[in-house]
Amino acid sequence: MAKSVQIYTISTCSDCHQAKRYFKDHQIDFIEYNCEDNLEYAEEVRRLTGMQTVPTIVIDDQVFVGFADHFKEITALLA
């Protein structure tokens, strides 16, 4: 069964771009929430993490702050 993947981003975040490129290259469907376009998304990040850090990646019920720092965990979860 496919995992539910959501990513909270901003346009200037290189880690966000890297995560989205990885998902696309590996044909992993994801929903992107751009925190610059909608401040409610930034509030969701704060509620989820207690911080204002992107990318925030939610896979099913697991929350990851950052992509590179959690690459092994994320890729294992999506394998």
PDB file of N, CA and C in Angstrom:
ATOM      1  N   MET A   1       0.837  -1.180   0.000  1.00  0.00           N
ATOM      2  CA  MET A   1       0.000   0.000   0.000  1.00  0.00           C
ATOM      3  C   MET A   1       0.885   1.248   0.000  1.00  0.00           C
ATOM      4  N   ALA A   2       0.531   2.210  -0.805  1.00  0.00           N
ATOM      5  CA  ALA A   2       1.313   3.441  -0.920  1.00  0.00           C
ATOM      6  C   ALA A   2       1.199   4.258   0.356  1.00  0.00           C
ATOM      7  N   LYS A   3       2.284   4.878   0.703  1.00  0.00           N
ATOM      8  CA  LYS A   3       2.323   5.743   1.876  1.00  0.00           C
ATOM      9  C   LYS A   3       1.770   7.117   1.511  1.00  0.00           C
ATOM     10  N   SER A   4       1.194   7.790   2.481  1.00  0.00           N
ATOM     11  CA  SER A   4       0.757   9.170   2.321  1.00  0.00           C
ATOM     12  C   SER A   4       1.959  10.061   2.630  1.00  0.00           C
ATOM     13  N   VAL A   5       2.384  10.860   1.636  1.00  0.00           N
ATOM     14  CA  VAL A   5       3.563  11.710   1.802  1.00  0.00           C
ATOM     15  C   VAL A   5       3.151  13.159   1.596  1.00  0.00           C
ATOM     16  N   GLN A   6       3.466  13.978   2.580  1.00  0.00           N
ATOM     17  CA  GLN A   6       3.216  15.413   2.509  1.00  0.00           C
ATOM     18  C   GLN A   6       4.520  16.120   2.819  1.00  0.00           C
ATOM     19  N   ILE A   7       4.759  17.234   2.111  1.00  0.00           N
ATOM     20  CA  ILE A   7       5.979  17.993   2.362  1.00  0.00           C
ATOM     21  C   ILE A   7       5.632  19.474   2.438  1.00  0.00           C
ATOM     22  N   TYR A   8       6.104  20.103   3.489  1.00  0.00           N
ATOM     23  CA  TYR A   8       5.924  21.542   3.699  1.00  0.00           C
ATOM     24  C   TYR A   8       7.220  22.214   3.266  1.00  0.00           C
ATOM     25  N   THR A   9       7.102  23.223   2.394  1.00  0.00           N
ATOM     26  CA  THR A   9       8.273  23.806   1.751  1.00  0.00           C
ATOM     27  C   THR A   9       8.216  25.330   1.712  1.00  0.00           C
ATOM     28  N   ILE A  10       9.352  25.913   1.304  1.00  0.00           N
ATOM     29  CA  ILE A  10       9.412  27.288   0.814  1.00  0.00           C
ATOM     30  C   ILE A  10      10.272  27.250  -0.448  1.00  0.00           C
ATOM     31  N   SER A  11      10.138  28.255  -1.288  1.00  0.00           N
ATOM     32  CA  SER A  11      10.783  28.220  -2.605  1.00  0.00           C
ATOM     33  C   SER A  11      12.304  28.308  -2.560  1.00  0.00           C
ATOM     34  N   THR A  12      12.881  28.869  -1.517  1.00  0.00           N
ATOM     35  CA  THR A  12      14.333  29.058  -1.452  1.00  0.00           C
ATOM     36  C   THR A  12      15.063  27.955  -0.693  1.00  0.00           C
ATOM     37  N   CYS A  13      14.380  26.913  -0.335  1.00  0.00           N
ATOM     38  CA  CYS A  13      14.947  25.838   0.488  1.00  0.00           C
ATOM     39  C   CYS A  13      15.560  24.747  -0.398  1.00  0.00           C
ATOM     40  N   SER A  14      16.885  24.616  -0.350  1.00  0.00           N
ATOM     41  CA  SER A  14      17.553  23.607  -1.177  1.00  0.00           C
ATOM     42  C   SER A  14      17.223  22.186  -0.724  1.00  0.00           C
ATOM     43  N   ASP A  15      17.066  21.968   0.569  1.00  0.00           N
ATOM     44  CA  ASP A  15      16.696  20.648   1.080  1.00  0.00           C
ATOM     45  C   ASP A  15      15.287  20.268   0.609  1.00  0.00           C
ATOM     46  N   CYS A  16      14.404  21.258   0.497  1.00  0.00           N
ATOM     47  CA  CYS A  16      13.052  21.020  -0.023  1.00  0.00           C
ATOM     48  C   CYS A  16      13.132  20.556  -1.476  1.00  0.00           C
ATOM     49  N   HIS A  17      13.946  21.248  -2.269  1.00  0.00           N
ATOM     50  CA  HIS A  17      14.104  20.891  -3.680  1.00  0.00           C
ATOM     51  C   HIS A  17      14.689  19.488  -3.824  1.00  0.00           C
ATOM     52  N   GLN A  18      15.649  19.161  -2.979  1.00  0.00           N
ATOM     53  CA  GLN A  18      16.266  17.841  -3.018  1.00  0.00           C
ATOM     54  C   GLN A  18      15.234  16.757  -2.692  1.00  0.00           C
ATOM     55  N   ALA A  19      14.416  16.986  -1.683  1.00  0.00           N
ATOM     56  CA  ALA A  19      13.397  16.007  -1.292  1.00  0.00           C
ATOM     57  C   ALA A  19      12.378  15.812  -2.406  1.00  0.00           C
ATOM     58  N   LYS A  20      11.895  16.905  -2.983  1.00  0.00           N
ATOM     59  CA  LYS A  20      10.904  16.802  -4.060  1.00  0.00           C
ATOM     60  C   LYS A  20      11.502  16.083  -5.271  1.00  0.00           C
ATOM     61  N   ARG A  21      12.762  16.371  -5.592  1.00  0.00           N
ATOM     62  CA  ARG A  21      13.433  15.705  -6.718  1.00  0.00           C
ATOM     63  C   ARG A  21      13.540  14.202  -6.440  1.00  0.00           C
ATOM     64  N   TYR A  22      13.900  13.848  -5.203  1.00  0.00           N
ATOM     65  CA  TYR A  22      13.984  12.434  -4.841  1.00  0.00           C
ATOM     66  C   TYR A  22      12.623  11.751  -5.018  1.00  0.00           C
ATOM     67  N   PHE A  23      11.571  12.372  -4.497  1.00  0.00           N
ATOM     68  CA  PHE A  23      10.237  11.780  -4.618  1.00  0.00           C
ATOM     69  C   PHE A  23       9.843  11.603  -6.080  1.00  0.00           C
ATOM     70  N   LYS A  24      10.080  12.621  -6.891  1.00  0.00           N
ATOM     71  CA  LYS A  24       9.733  12.544  -8.315  1.00  0.00           C
ATOM     72  C   LYS A  24      10.553  11.472  -9.019  1.00  0.00           C
ATOM     73  N   ASP A  25      11.860  11.447  -8.775  1.00  0.00           N
ATOM     74  CA  ASP A  25      12.742  10.465  -9.423  1.00  0.00           C
ATOM     75  C   ASP A  25      12.372   9.036  -9.061  1.00  0.00           C
ATOM     76  N   HIS A  26      11.818   8.839  -7.865  1.00  0.00           N
ATOM     77  CA  HIS A  26      11.444   7.506  -7.402  1.00  0.00           C
ATOM     78  C   HIS A  26       9.936   7.259  -7.513  1.00  0.00           C
ATOM     79  N   GLN A  27       9.265   8.126  -8.249  1.00  0.00           N
ATOM     80  CA  GLN A  27       7.819   7.999  -8.525  1.00  0.00           C
ATOM     81  C   GLN A  27       7.009   7.827  -7.245  1.00  0.00           C
ATOM     82  N   ILE A  28       7.334   8.655  -6.266  1.00  0.00           N
ATOM     83  CA  ILE A  28       6.616   8.662  -4.989  1.00  0.00           C
ATOM     84  C   ILE A  28       5.657   9.846  -5.029  1.00  0.00           C
ATOM     85  N   ASP A  29       4.377   9.565  -4.981  1.00  0.00           N
ATOM     86  CA  ASP A  29       3.381  10.633  -4.971  1.00  0.00           C
ATOM     87  C   ASP A  29       3.471  11.406  -3.659  1.00  0.00           C
ATOM     88  N   PHE A  30       3.364  12.720  -3.757  1.00  0.00           N
ATOM     89  CA  PHE A  30       3.413  13.550  -2.563  1.00  0.00           C
ATOM     90  C   PHE A  30       2.545  14.780  -2.772  1.00  0.00           C
ATOM     91  N   ILE A  31       2.148  15.363  -1.667  1.00  0.00           N
ATOM     92  CA  ILE A  31       1.408  16.621  -1.687  1.00  0.00           C
ATOM     93  C   ILE A  31       2.327  17.676  -1.109  1.00  0.00           C
ATOM     94  N   GLU A  32       2.490  18.771  -1.848  1.00  0.00           N
ATOM     95  CA  GLU A  32       3.346  19.859  -1.390  1.00  0.00           C
ATOM     96  C   GLU A  32       2.501  20.985  -0.824  1.00  0.00           C
ATOM     97  N   TYR A  33       2.919  21.487   0.319  1.00  0.00           N
ATOM     98  CA  TYR A  33       2.297  22.635   0.950  1.00  0.00           C
ATOM     99  C   TYR A  33       3.345  23.738   1.041  1.00  0.00           C
ATOM    100  N   ASN A  34       3.220  24.775   0.218  1.00  0.00           N
ATOM    101  CA  ASN A  34       4.182  25.866   0.205  1.00  0.00           C
ATOM    102  C   ASN A  34       3.797  26.868   1.286  1.00  0.00           C
ATOM    103  N   CYS A  35       4.642  26.991   2.282  1.00  0.00           N
ATOM    104  CA  CYS A  35       4.365  27.854   3.433  1.00  0.00           C
ATOM    105  C   CYS A  35       4.396  29.337   3.077  1.00  0.00           C
ATOM    106  N   GLU A  36       5.006  29.703   1.954  1.00  0.00           N
ATOM    107  CA  GLU A  36       5.005  31.092   1.502  1.00  0.00           C
ATOM    108  C   GLU A  36       3.665  31.464   0.886  1.00  0.00           C
ATOM    109  N   ASP A  37       3.039  30.489   0.248  1.00  0.00           N
ATOM    110  CA  ASP A  37       1.763  30.735  -0.432  1.00  0.00           C
ATOM    111  C   ASP A  37       0.587  30.803   0.533  1.00  0.00           C
ATOM    112  N   ASN A  38       0.706  30.083   1.653  1.00  0.00           N
ATOM    113  CA  ASN A  38      -0.402  30.006   2.593  1.00  0.00           C
ATOM    114  C   ASN A  38       0.158  29.932   4.015  1.00  0.00           C
ATOM    115  N   LEU A  39      -0.049  30.953   4.792  1.00  0.00           N
ATOM    116  CA  LEU A  39       0.498  30.993   6.147  1.00  0.00           C
ATOM    117  C   LEU A  39      -0.100  29.932   7.066  1.00  0.00           C
ATOM    118  N   GLU A  40      -1.256  29.392   6.703  1.00  0.00           N
ATOM    119  CA  GLU A  40      -1.830  28.291   7.482  1.00  0.00           C
ATOM    120  C   GLU A  40      -0.913  27.072   7.451  1.00  0.00           C
ATOM    121  N   TYR A  41      -0.220  26.867   6.336  1.00  0.00           N
ATOM    122  CA  TYR A  41       0.719  25.748   6.244  1.00  0.00           C
ATOM    123  C   TYR A  41       1.878  25.943   7.217  1.00  0.00           C
ATOM    124  N   ALA A  42       2.347  27.174   7.347  1.00  0.00           N
ATOM    125  CA  ALA A  42       3.407  27.460   8.315  1.00  0.00           C
ATOM    126  C   ALA A  42       2.933  27.170   9.732  1.00  0.00           C
ATOM    127  N   GLU A  43       1.684  27.478  10.020  1.00  0.00           N
ATOM    128  CA  GLU A  43       1.114  27.168  11.336  1.00  0.00           C
ATOM    129  C   GLU A  43       1.013  25.661  11.547  1.00  0.00           C
ATOM    130  N   GLU A  44       0.680  24.917  10.493  1.00  0.00           N
ATOM    131  CA  GLU A  44       0.627  23.459  10.600  1.00  0.00           C
ATOM    132  C   GLU A  44       1.997  22.905  10.947  1.00  0.00           C
ATOM    133  N   VAL A  45       3.046  23.455  10.324  1.00  0.00           N
ATOM    134  CA  VAL A  45       4.411  23.021  10.627  1.00  0.00           C
ATOM    135  C   VAL A  45       4.711  23.272  12.096  1.00  0.00           C
ATOM    136  N   ARG A  46       4.350  24.425  12.594  1.00  0.00           N
ATOM    137  CA  ARG A  46       4.590  24.748  14.001  1.00  0.00           C
ATOM    138  C   ARG A  46       3.833  23.779  14.921  1.00  0.00           C
ATOM    139  N   ARG A  47       2.590  23.448  14.569  1.00  0.00           N
ATOM    140  CA  ARG A  47       1.819  22.505  15.388  1.00  0.00           C
ATOM    141  C   ARG A  47       2.438  21.104  15.352  1.00  0.00           C
ATOM    142  N   LEU A  48       2.933  20.705  14.184  1.00  0.00           N
ATOM    143  CA  LEU A  48       3.500  19.373  14.027  1.00  0.00           C
ATOM    144  C   LEU A  48       4.849  19.219  14.725  1.00  0.00           C
ATOM    145  N   THR A  49       5.661  20.289  14.702  1.00  0.00           N
ATOM    146  CA  THR A  49       7.056  20.154  15.125  1.00  0.00           C
ATOM    147  C   THR A  49       7.457  21.047  16.289  1.00  0.00           C
ATOM    148  N   GLY A  50       6.679  22.073  16.553  1.00  0.00           N
ATOM    149  CA  GLY A  50       7.074  23.049  17.552  1.00  0.00           C
ATOM    150  C   GLY A  50       8.105  24.043  17.025  1.00  0.00           C
ATOM    151  N   MET A  51       8.400  23.938  15.742  1.00  0.00           N
ATOM    152  CA  MET A  51       9.396  24.798  15.094  1.00  0.00           C
ATOM    153  C   MET A  51       8.818  25.347  13.794  1.00  0.00           C
ATOM    154  N   GLN A  52       9.570  26.212  13.161  1.00  0.00           N
ATOM    155  CA  GLN A  52       9.212  26.719  11.841  1.00  0.00           C
ATOM    156  C   GLN A  52      10.321  26.330  10.873  1.00  0.00           C
ATOM    157  N   THR A  53      10.471  25.038  10.635  1.00  0.00           N
ATOM    158  CA  THR A  53      11.566  24.525   9.830  1.00  0.00           C
ATOM    159  C   THR A  53      11.024  23.730   8.656  1.00  0.00           C
ATOM    160  N   VAL A  54      11.604  23.979   7.479  1.00  0.00           N
ATOM    161  CA  VAL A  54      11.270  23.222   6.286  1.00  0.00           C
ATOM    162  C   VAL A  54      12.536  22.609   5.724  1.00  0.00           C
ATOM    163  N   PRO A  55      12.441  21.502   5.013  1.00  0.00           N
ATOM    164  CA  PRO A  55      11.185  20.814   4.791  1.00  0.00           C
ATOM    165  C   PRO A  55      10.731  20.065   6.042  1.00  0.00           C
ATOM    166  N   THR A  56       9.456  20.071   6.239  1.00  0.00           N
ATOM    167  CA  THR A  56       8.834  19.166   7.190  1.00  0.00           C
ATOM    168  C   THR A  56       8.112  18.137   6.342  1.00  0.00           C
ATOM    169  N   ILE A  57       8.451  16.884   6.554  1.00  0.00           N
ATOM    170  CA  ILE A  57       7.910  15.798   5.748  1.00  0.00           C
ATOM    171  C   ILE A  57       7.086  14.901   6.651  1.00  0.00           C
ATOM    172  N   VAL A  58       5.860  14.630   6.228  1.00  0.00           N
ATOM    173  CA  VAL A  58       4.968  13.755   6.983  1.00  0.00           C
ATOM    174  C   VAL A  58       4.689  12.532   6.119  1.00  0.00           C
ATOM    175  N   ILE A  59       5.057  11.367   6.633  1.00  0.00           N
ATOM    176  CA  ILE A  59       4.811  10.109   5.945  1.00  0.00           C
ATOM    177  C   ILE A  59       3.906   9.290   6.844  1.00  0.00           C
ATOM    178  N   ASP A  60       2.674   9.112   6.383  1.00  0.00           N
ATOM    179  CA  ASP A  60       1.629   8.531   7.212  1.00  0.00           C
ATOM    180  C   ASP A  60       1.561   9.313   8.517  1.00  0.00           C
ATOM    181  N   ASP A  61       1.968   8.735   9.637  1.00  0.00           N
ATOM    182  CA  ASP A  61       1.878   9.460  10.916  1.00  0.00           C
ATOM    183  C   ASP A  61       3.247   9.845  11.468  1.00  0.00           C
ATOM    184  N   GLN A  62       4.297   9.692  10.666  1.00  0.00           N
ATOM    185  CA  GLN A  62       5.649  10.041  11.114  1.00  0.00           C
ATOM    186  C   GLN A  62       6.065  11.392  10.543  1.00  0.00           C
ATOM    187  N   VAL A  63       6.646  12.219  11.397  1.00  0.00           N
ATOM    188  CA  VAL A  63       7.044  13.579  11.013  1.00  0.00           C
ATOM    189  C   VAL A  63       8.568  13.669  11.033  1.00  0.00           C
ATOM    190  N   PHE A  64       9.124  14.201   9.944  1.00  0.00           N
ATOM    191  CA  PHE A  64      10.563  14.405   9.819  1.00  0.00           C
ATOM    192  C   PHE A  64      10.820  15.875   9.552  1.00  0.00           C
ATOM    193  N   VAL A  65      11.754  16.456  10.287  1.00  0.00           N
ATOM    194  CA  VAL A  65      12.162  17.841  10.058  1.00  0.00           C
ATOM    195  C   VAL A  65      13.497  17.776   9.328  1.00  0.00           C
ATOM    196  N   GLY A  66      13.471  18.147   8.056  1.00  0.00           N
ATOM    197  CA  GLY A  66      14.653  18.041   7.215  1.00  0.00           C
ATOM    198  C   GLY A  66      14.600  16.787   6.375  1.00  0.00           C
ATOM    199  N   PHE A  67      15.336  16.831   5.274  1.00  0.00           N
ATOM    200  CA  PHE A  67      15.400  15.661   4.388  1.00  0.00           C
ATOM    201  C   PHE A  67      16.762  14.985   4.482  1.00  0.00           C
ATOM    202  N   ALA A  68      17.824  15.728   4.257  1.00  0.00           N
ATOM    203  CA  ALA A  68      19.168  15.146   4.251  1.00  0.00           C
ATOM    204  C   ALA A  68      19.486  14.470   5.579  1.00  0.00           C
ATOM    205  N   ASP A  69      19.104  15.096   6.682  1.00  0.00           N
ATOM    206  CA  ASP A  69      19.395  14.544   8.011  1.00  0.00           C
ATOM    207  C   ASP A  69      18.646  13.245   8.289  1.00  0.00           C
ATOM    208  N   HIS A  70      17.540  13.031   7.585  1.00  0.00           N
ATOM    209  CA  HIS A  70      16.705  11.840   7.824  1.00  0.00           C
ATOM    210  C   HIS A  70      16.592  10.970   6.573  1.00  0.00           C
ATOM    211  N   PHE A  71      17.529  11.139   5.646  1.00  0.00           N
ATOM    212  CA  PHE A  71      17.454  10.450   4.363  1.00  0.00           C
ATOM    213  C   PHE A  71      17.308   8.935   4.524  1.00  0.00           C
ATOM    214  N   LYS A  72      18.134   8.332   5.348  1.00  0.00           N
ATOM    215  CA  LYS A  72      18.090   6.863   5.515  1.00  0.00           C
ATOM    216  C   LYS A  72      16.751   6.412   6.072  1.00  0.00           C
ATOM    217  N   GLU A  73      16.251   7.127   7.063  1.00  0.00           N
ATOM    218  CA  GLU A  73      14.961   6.762   7.657  1.00  0.00           C
ATOM    219  C   GLU A  73      13.821   6.909   6.644  1.00  0.00           C
ATOM    220  N   ILE A  74      13.839   8.012   5.906  1.00  0.00           N
ATOM    221  CA  ILE A  74      12.779   8.291   4.935  1.00  0.00           C
ATOM    222  C   ILE A  74      12.805   7.254   3.816  1.00  0.00           C
ATOM    223  N   THR A  75      13.987   6.989   3.266  1.00  0.00           N
ATOM    224  CA  THR A  75      14.059   6.036   2.152  1.00  0.00           C
ATOM    225  C   THR A  75      13.682   4.626   2.602  1.00  0.00           C
ATOM    226  N   ALA A  76      14.067   4.249   3.818  1.00  0.00           N
ATOM    227  CA  ALA A  76      13.688   2.932   4.320  1.00  0.00           C
ATOM    228  C   ALA A  76      12.177   2.837   4.505  1.00  0.00           C
ATOM    229  N   LEU A  77      11.581   3.891   4.995  1.00  0.00           N
ATOM    230  CA  LEU A  77      10.144   3.900   5.226  1.00  0.00           C
ATOM    231  C   LEU A  77       9.374   3.808   3.897  1.00  0.00           C
ATOM    232  N   LEU A  78       9.917   4.413   2.849  1.00  0.00           N
ATOM    233  CA  LEU A  78       9.229   4.448   1.556  1.00  0.00           C
ATOM    234  C   LEU A  78       9.582   3.269   0.652  1.00  0.00           C
ATOM    235  N   ALA A  79      10.529   2.430   1.084  1.00  0.00           N
ATOM    236  CA  ALA A  79      10.954   1.281   0.249  1.00  0.00           C
ATOM    237  C   ALA A  79       9.870   0.235   0.161  1.00  0.00           C
TER     238      ALA A  79
END
